[in-house]
Amino acid sequence: MLIIAFVFSSHAIGNEPILELGTKPQLLQETGAGEGPVWHPKLGLLTSGDGNSNRRDKEGKASVYRPDTGSNGLMFDREGRLILCESARYRVTRLEQDGKLTVLADRYEGHRFNTPNDLTQDSKGRIYFSDPRYGDRDDMEMVDEKGRKVEGIYRIDVDGKVTRIITHEVDRPNGLVITPDDKYLFVADNNNNAADGARKLWRFDLKADGTVDFASQKLMHDWKTTRGPDGMKLDTAGRLYVAAGLNRPNLPFETAETPTAGIYVFSPNGELLEFVAIPRDETTNCAFGGDDVKTLFVTAGGTLWSLRTTTPGVSIWKLNTK
């Protein structure tokens, strides 16, 4: 039986190094890891790639875990069930322990979702997911009462009710993470289809009812003319690990010449503490794993990388699982 818990401190650990001495990104595999890395103490690492949900077991063997899911973000809930952003099917689903699939959300106010992208959860077991639309926008159904296209953030309550908590307060939401004390919601705002699109990391105060305090919106970092933030995770010292940037300009909208692709590590208040370059475009996401939860797995352009940190990541899995 798996015992699930969070371990978290709101204070950074002095001047302790963030990365293990001498660590460098290690290439683990060339394919199958486009997005959505998530660790399971028995299964190993799951990723989204090539239209499937894939598995890399603890011995390093790669296989297809669930075919044709069209997934992006992946997450295990507090009961150990896999939650999937099935972007290709415009829905969020849950894989039950008996192998059955439950659709948690596929429409809001009668409108089909854009492409659910990433997800996080709070201490009450509520699920939050982003719903951007990259690429062709002609068939977007999600609009507000004035007919304006909406790329929002939604909350799924434990009773199944779906509520939109962010409508137009960010440009194009992507990665999400909630601190284990439910104090903050971090939002990656990444619009790469416009010259003036947002490439920003935001922090919102999260209220007890699962809504955000819009007056609290704080800009943590702006990537300006390169690719903005994508997926992100927290370590137990409260630091935020964000996948972002490009090694080469992606014209006409992402024009920065200096290589910026990799993992950015920020303090809870937005101070950039560390940058780890990843030599493949695009750096899309990351996840902590390994038996000590100190291995950071990084997805980039379908490839999978790892590097070692000094501090464990926030994880629902206790290390002494049975």
Protein backbone atom coordinates (compact mmCIF):
# COMPACT_ATOMS: atom_id res chain seq x y z
CA MET A 1 0.00 0.00 0.00
CA LEU A 2 1.29 3.47 -0.86
CA ILE A 3 1.34 6.08 1.89
CA ILE A 4 0.94 9.60 0.55
CA ALA A 5 2.16 12.78 2.22
CA PHE A 6 3.72 16.15 1.53
CA VAL A 7 6.91 17.39 3.18
CA PHE A 8 7.54 21.10 2.77
CA SER A 9 9.33 24.04 4.35
CA SER A 10 8.50 27.63 3.43
CA HIS A 11 12.09 28.72 4.05
CA ALA A 12 15.03 28.29 1.71
CA ILE A 13 18.03 26.46 3.12
CA GLY A 14 20.65 29.14 3.77
CA ASN A 15 23.48 29.20 1.25
CA GLU A 16 23.43 25.48 0.61
CA PRO A 17 24.14 24.65 -3.04
CA ILE A 18 21.07 23.81 -5.06
CA LEU A 19 22.79 21.23 -7.27
CA GLU A 20 25.05 18.41 -6.21
CA LEU A 21 28.72 19.28 -6.69
CA GLY A 22 29.81 18.61 -10.25
CA THR A 23 26.38 17.60 -11.52
CA LYS A 24 25.62 18.16 -15.19
CA PRO A 25 22.50 17.33 -17.21
CA GLN A 26 22.66 13.70 -18.33
CA LEU A 27 20.85 12.59 -21.49
CA LEU A 28 18.72 9.53 -20.64
CA GLN A 29 16.73 8.97 -23.84
CA GLU A 30 16.24 10.56 -27.24
CA THR A 31 12.51 10.04 -27.74
CA GLY A 32 9.18 9.72 -25.95
CA ALA A 33 9.56 12.52 -23.42
CA GLY A 34 7.86 15.56 -24.86
CA GLU A 35 6.07 16.69 -21.72
CA GLY A 36 4.38 15.87 -18.42
CA PRO A 37 7.05 14.03 -16.39
CA VAL A 38 5.78 12.56 -13.12
CA TRP A 39 7.38 10.09 -10.73
CA HIS A 40 5.84 6.96 -9.21
CA PRO A 41 7.86 5.03 -6.60
CA LYS A 42 7.05 1.66 -8.20
CA LEU A 43 6.47 2.48 -11.88
CA GLY A 44 9.34 4.94 -12.24
CA LEU A 45 8.90 7.97 -14.49
CA LEU A 46 5.87 8.60 -16.71
CA THR A 47 6.01 11.13 -19.55
CA SER A 48 3.88 12.29 -22.46
CA GLY A 49 5.30 11.92 -25.95
CA ASP A 50 4.61 10.66 -29.47
CA GLY A 51 0.88 10.73 -28.73
CA ASN A 52 1.19 8.28 -25.82
CA SER A 53 1.70 8.23 -22.09
CA ASN A 54 5.09 6.56 -21.70
CA ARG A 55 7.02 4.84 -18.93
CA ARG A 56 10.69 4.68 -18.03
CA ASP A 57 11.05 2.11 -15.26
CA LYS A 58 13.52 2.34 -12.40
CA GLU A 59 16.03 0.25 -14.38
CA GLY A 60 15.83 2.66 -17.33
CA LYS A 61 13.69 0.52 -19.66
CA ALA A 62 11.34 2.60 -21.83
CA SER A 63 7.86 1.45 -22.90
CA VAL A 64 4.41 2.78 -23.76
CA TYR A 65 2.32 2.95 -20.59
CA ARG A 66 -0.99 3.95 -22.23
CA PRO A 67 -1.19 4.33 -26.02
CA ASP A 68 -2.95 7.10 -27.92
CA THR A 69 -3.77 9.28 -24.91
CA GLY A 70 -2.69 12.50 -26.63
CA SER A 71 -1.64 13.66 -23.19
CA ASN A 72 0.38 16.61 -21.96
CA GLY A 73 0.46 17.24 -18.21
CA LEU A 74 0.41 14.22 -15.87
CA MET A 75 -0.06 14.08 -12.10
CA PHE A 76 -0.80 11.56 -9.37
CA ASP A 77 -3.53 12.59 -6.95
CA ARG A 78 -3.54 11.98 -3.20
CA GLU A 79 -5.01 8.51 -3.69
CA GLY A 80 -2.28 7.53 -6.13
CA ARG A 81 -4.45 7.76 -9.25
CA LEU A 82 -3.00 9.14 -12.46
CA ILE A 83 -4.60 12.39 -13.69
CA LEU A 84 -4.06 13.22 -17.37
CA CYS A 85 -4.48 16.37 -19.40
CA GLU A 86 -5.61 14.66 -22.60
CA SER A 87 -4.96 17.67 -24.81
CA ALA A 88 -5.77 15.87 -28.05
CA ARG A 89 -9.23 14.99 -26.68
CA TYR A 90 -9.84 18.37 -24.99
CA ARG A 91 -10.37 16.84 -21.56
CA VAL A 92 -8.97 15.95 -18.14
CA THR A 93 -9.25 12.31 -17.09
CA ARG A 94 -8.40 10.05 -14.16
CA LEU A 95 -7.07 6.50 -14.39
CA GLU A 96 -8.70 4.52 -11.61
CA GLN A 97 -6.93 1.84 -9.63
CA ASP A 98 -8.88 -0.84 -11.51
CA GLY A 99 -7.73 0.54 -14.88
CA LYS A 100 -10.97 2.27 -15.82
CA LEU A 101 -10.82 5.84 -17.13
CA THR A 102 -13.01 8.57 -15.65
CA VAL A 103 -13.59 11.86 -17.47
CA LEU A 104 -13.26 14.63 -14.90
CA ALA A 105 -13.82 17.62 -17.21
CA ASP A 106 -14.43 18.02 -20.94
CA ARG A 107 -16.69 21.09 -21.14
CA TYR A 108 -17.38 24.29 -19.26
CA GLU A 109 -20.70 26.11 -19.62
CA GLY A 110 -21.38 24.02 -22.71
CA HIS A 111 -18.09 24.89 -24.41
CA ARG A 112 -15.42 22.33 -25.24
CA PHE A 113 -12.05 23.03 -23.61
CA ASN A 114 -9.20 24.36 -25.75
CA THR A 115 -6.38 21.90 -24.94
CA PRO A 116 -5.90 21.14 -21.22
CA ASN A 117 -2.17 21.52 -20.68
CA ASP A 118 -0.88 21.21 -17.12
CA LEU A 119 -2.25 20.59 -13.66
CA THR A 120 -1.63 20.83 -9.94
CA GLN A 121 -3.54 20.09 -6.72
CA ASP A 122 -4.12 21.61 -3.31
CA SER A 123 -4.15 20.03 0.13
CA LYS A 124 -7.91 19.42 -0.07
CA GLY A 125 -7.49 17.24 -3.17
CA ARG A 126 -8.89 19.82 -5.58
CA ILE A 127 -7.34 19.73 -9.06
CA TYR A 128 -6.41 22.86 -11.02
CA PHE A 129 -5.60 22.84 -14.74
CA SER A 130 -4.63 25.31 -17.45
CA ASP A 131 -6.43 25.45 -20.79
CA PRO A 132 -4.42 27.39 -23.41
CA ARG A 133 -4.58 27.05 -27.16
CA TYR A 134 -1.36 26.98 -29.15
CA GLY A 135 -1.36 26.78 -32.94
CA ASP A 136 -4.63 26.85 -34.89
CA ARG A 137 -7.29 28.79 -32.98
CA ASP A 138 -10.11 28.64 -35.54
CA ASP A 139 -12.09 25.90 -33.77
CA MET A 140 -11.87 27.33 -30.24
CA GLU A 141 -15.23 27.06 -28.47
CA MET A 142 -14.27 28.52 -25.11
CA VAL A 143 -15.55 32.11 -24.95
CA ASP A 144 -16.83 34.44 -22.25
CA GLU A 145 -20.21 36.17 -22.07
CA LYS A 146 -18.96 38.84 -24.48
CA GLY A 147 -17.79 36.30 -27.04
CA ARG A 148 -14.09 36.80 -26.31
CA LYS A 149 -11.84 33.74 -26.52
CA VAL A 150 -10.85 32.43 -23.10
CA GLU A 151 -7.62 30.65 -22.18
CA GLY A 152 -8.28 30.10 -18.53
CA ILE A 153 -7.47 28.15 -15.40
CA TYR A 154 -10.04 25.81 -13.85
CA ARG A 155 -10.58 24.01 -10.55
CA ILE A 156 -12.15 20.56 -10.24
CA ASP A 157 -13.62 20.04 -6.77
CA VAL A 158 -13.72 16.63 -5.11
CA ASP A 159 -17.46 16.43 -5.87
CA GLY A 160 -16.71 16.96 -9.58
CA LYS A 161 -17.84 20.58 -9.89
CA VAL A 162 -15.70 22.58 -12.35
CA THR A 163 -15.10 26.32 -11.77
CA ARG A 164 -13.08 28.79 -13.80
CA ILE A 165 -10.82 30.74 -11.43
CA ILE A 166 -8.79 32.78 -13.96
CA THR A 167 -10.30 34.12 -17.16
CA HIS A 168 -8.35 37.04 -18.68
CA GLU A 169 -5.93 37.87 -15.86
CA VAL A 170 -3.08 36.13 -17.70
CA ASP A 171 -2.40 35.93 -21.44
CA ARG A 172 -1.92 32.20 -22.06
CA PRO A 173 -1.57 29.99 -18.95
CA ASN A 174 0.65 26.94 -19.19
CA GLY A 175 2.44 25.36 -16.19
CA LEU A 176 0.87 25.50 -12.74
CA VAL A 177 1.94 24.66 -9.22
CA ILE A 178 0.39 25.26 -5.77
CA THR A 179 2.54 25.39 -2.65
CA PRO A 180 1.75 22.54 -0.22
CA ASP A 181 0.49 25.04 2.37
CA ASP A 182 -2.05 26.31 -0.22
CA LYS A 183 -0.68 29.84 0.14
CA TYR A 184 0.34 30.50 -3.48
CA LEU A 185 -0.58 29.52 -7.01
CA PHE A 186 2.25 29.99 -9.52
CA VAL A 187 1.27 30.39 -13.18
CA ALA A 188 3.51 30.15 -16.24
CA ASP A 189 2.16 32.65 -18.79
CA ASN A 190 3.62 31.76 -22.19
CA ASN A 191 2.23 33.18 -25.44
CA ASN A 192 4.66 32.30 -28.22
CA ASN A 193 2.34 33.21 -31.09
CA ALA A 194 2.64 36.99 -30.82
CA ALA A 195 5.57 39.41 -30.73
CA ASP A 196 4.13 41.12 -27.65
CA GLY A 197 2.84 37.91 -26.03
CA ALA A 198 3.47 37.28 -22.35
CA ARG A 199 6.54 35.24 -21.36
CA LYS A 200 6.07 35.71 -17.63
CA LEU A 201 5.89 33.87 -14.35
CA TRP A 202 3.14 35.04 -11.98
CA ARG A 203 2.30 34.37 -8.36
CA PHE A 204 -1.21 34.65 -6.92
CA ASP A 205 -2.43 34.30 -3.35
CA LEU A 206 -4.74 31.29 -3.18
CA LYS A 207 -7.85 31.65 -1.03
CA ALA A 208 -9.28 28.91 1.17
CA ASP A 209 -12.23 28.47 -1.19
CA GLY A 210 -9.93 27.65 -4.10
CA THR A 211 -10.17 31.03 -5.85
CA VAL A 212 -7.32 33.50 -6.28
CA ASP A 213 -6.87 37.03 -4.95
CA PHE A 214 -6.40 39.03 -8.15
CA ALA A 215 -5.05 42.02 -6.22
CA SER A 216 -2.15 39.83 -5.07
CA GLN A 217 -0.89 39.12 -8.60
CA LYS A 218 2.91 39.43 -8.54
CA LEU A 219 5.32 39.27 -11.50
CA MET A 220 8.11 36.86 -10.58
CA HIS A 221 10.14 36.90 -13.82
CA ASP A 222 9.84 38.06 -17.43
CA TRP A 223 11.63 36.19 -20.23
CA LYS A 224 10.79 39.02 -22.66
CA THR A 225 11.76 38.08 -26.25
CA THR A 226 12.72 34.43 -25.77
CA ARG A 227 10.40 31.49 -25.03
CA GLY A 228 8.57 31.91 -21.77
CA PRO A 229 7.97 29.51 -18.87
CA ASP A 230 6.42 26.09 -19.32
CA GLY A 231 6.23 23.35 -16.66
CA MET A 232 7.54 23.80 -13.13
CA LYS A 233 7.96 22.06 -9.77
CA LEU A 234 8.82 22.92 -6.15
CA ASP A 235 11.48 21.53 -3.84
CA THR A 236 10.95 21.11 -0.10
CA ALA A 237 12.82 24.36 0.60
CA GLY A 238 10.17 26.30 -1.33
CA ARG A 239 12.27 26.92 -4.43
CA LEU A 240 10.63 26.85 -7.85
CA TYR A 241 12.22 24.95 -10.78
CA VAL A 242 10.93 26.34 -14.10
CA ALA A 243 11.48 25.02 -17.64
CA ALA A 244 11.86 27.92 -20.10
CA GLY A 245 13.88 29.55 -22.87
CA LEU A 246 15.34 28.66 -26.26
CA ASN A 247 18.80 27.90 -27.59
CA ARG A 248 18.04 29.46 -30.98
CA PRO A 249 15.53 32.14 -32.01
CA ASN A 250 12.14 30.86 -33.14
CA LEU A 251 11.18 33.58 -35.60
CA PRO A 252 9.19 35.66 -36.06
CA PHE A 253 8.02 35.97 -32.45
CA GLU A 254 10.78 34.58 -30.20
CA THR A 255 13.76 36.64 -31.26
CA ALA A 256 16.36 36.46 -28.48
CA GLU A 257 19.83 35.55 -29.80
CA THR A 258 21.43 34.43 -26.53
CA PRO A 259 20.77 30.77 -25.59
CA THR A 260 18.38 30.68 -22.64
CA ALA A 261 16.96 27.12 -22.67
CA GLY A 262 17.04 25.23 -19.40
CA ILE A 263 15.86 25.09 -15.82
CA TYR A 264 15.55 28.32 -13.86
CA VAL A 265 15.51 28.05 -10.06
CA PHE A 266 13.75 30.84 -8.18
CA SER A 267 13.24 31.69 -4.54
CA PRO A 268 9.60 31.89 -3.37
CA ASN A 269 9.80 35.66 -3.96
CA GLY A 270 11.18 35.48 -7.49
CA GLU A 271 14.94 35.83 -7.00
CA LEU A 272 16.80 33.85 -9.67
CA LEU A 273 19.10 31.51 -7.72
CA GLU A 274 20.36 29.09 -10.37
CA PHE A 275 20.22 28.36 -14.10
CA VAL A 276 20.98 24.98 -15.67
CA ALA A 277 21.34 25.00 -19.46
CA ILE A 278 19.71 22.17 -21.42
CA PRO A 279 21.19 21.83 -24.94
CA ARG A 280 17.93 20.79 -26.67
CA ASP A 281 14.95 22.89 -27.68
CA GLU A 282 12.41 23.21 -26.29
CA THR A 283 12.83 22.69 -22.53
CA THR A 284 9.23 21.90 -21.63
CA ASN A 285 8.91 20.53 -18.11
CA CYS A 286 10.55 18.88 -15.12
CA ALA A 287 9.76 16.57 -12.22
CA PHE A 288 11.53 15.34 -9.11
CA GLY A 289 11.95 11.61 -8.64
CA GLY A 290 14.27 8.79 -7.70
CA ASP A 291 14.19 6.95 -4.41
CA ASP A 292 15.46 10.04 -2.56
CA VAL A 293 13.39 12.48 -4.72
CA LYS A 294 16.59 14.42 -5.51
CA THR A 295 16.77 13.60 -9.22
CA LEU A 296 15.27 16.29 -11.42
CA PHE A 297 14.01 14.82 -14.69
CA VAL A 298 13.76 17.32 -17.56
CA THR A 299 11.86 16.96 -20.85
CA ALA A 300 13.20 18.87 -23.86
CA GLY A 301 12.16 18.44 -27.48
CA GLY A 302 11.15 14.82 -26.89
CA THR A 303 14.40 13.98 -25.09
CA LEU A 304 14.78 13.19 -21.40
CA TRP A 305 17.53 14.51 -19.13
CA SER A 306 18.39 14.26 -15.45
CA LEU A 307 20.42 16.18 -12.92
CA ARG A 308 21.00 15.82 -9.20
CA THR A 309 19.87 18.33 -6.58
CA THR A 310 20.79 18.69 -2.93
CA THR A 311 17.20 19.07 -1.75
CA PRO A 312 14.28 16.71 -2.39
CA GLY A 313 11.36 17.85 -4.47
CA VAL A 314 7.85 18.17 -3.14
CA SER A 315 6.23 14.78 -3.65
CA ILE A 316 3.06 13.01 -2.63
CA TRP A 317 5.01 9.80 -2.18
CA LYS A 318 6.69 9.03 1.12
CA LEU A 319 10.09 7.44 0.73
CA ASN A 320 9.12 4.52 2.98
CA THR A 321 6.37 3.22 0.69
CA LYS A 322 5.36 -0.41 1.20
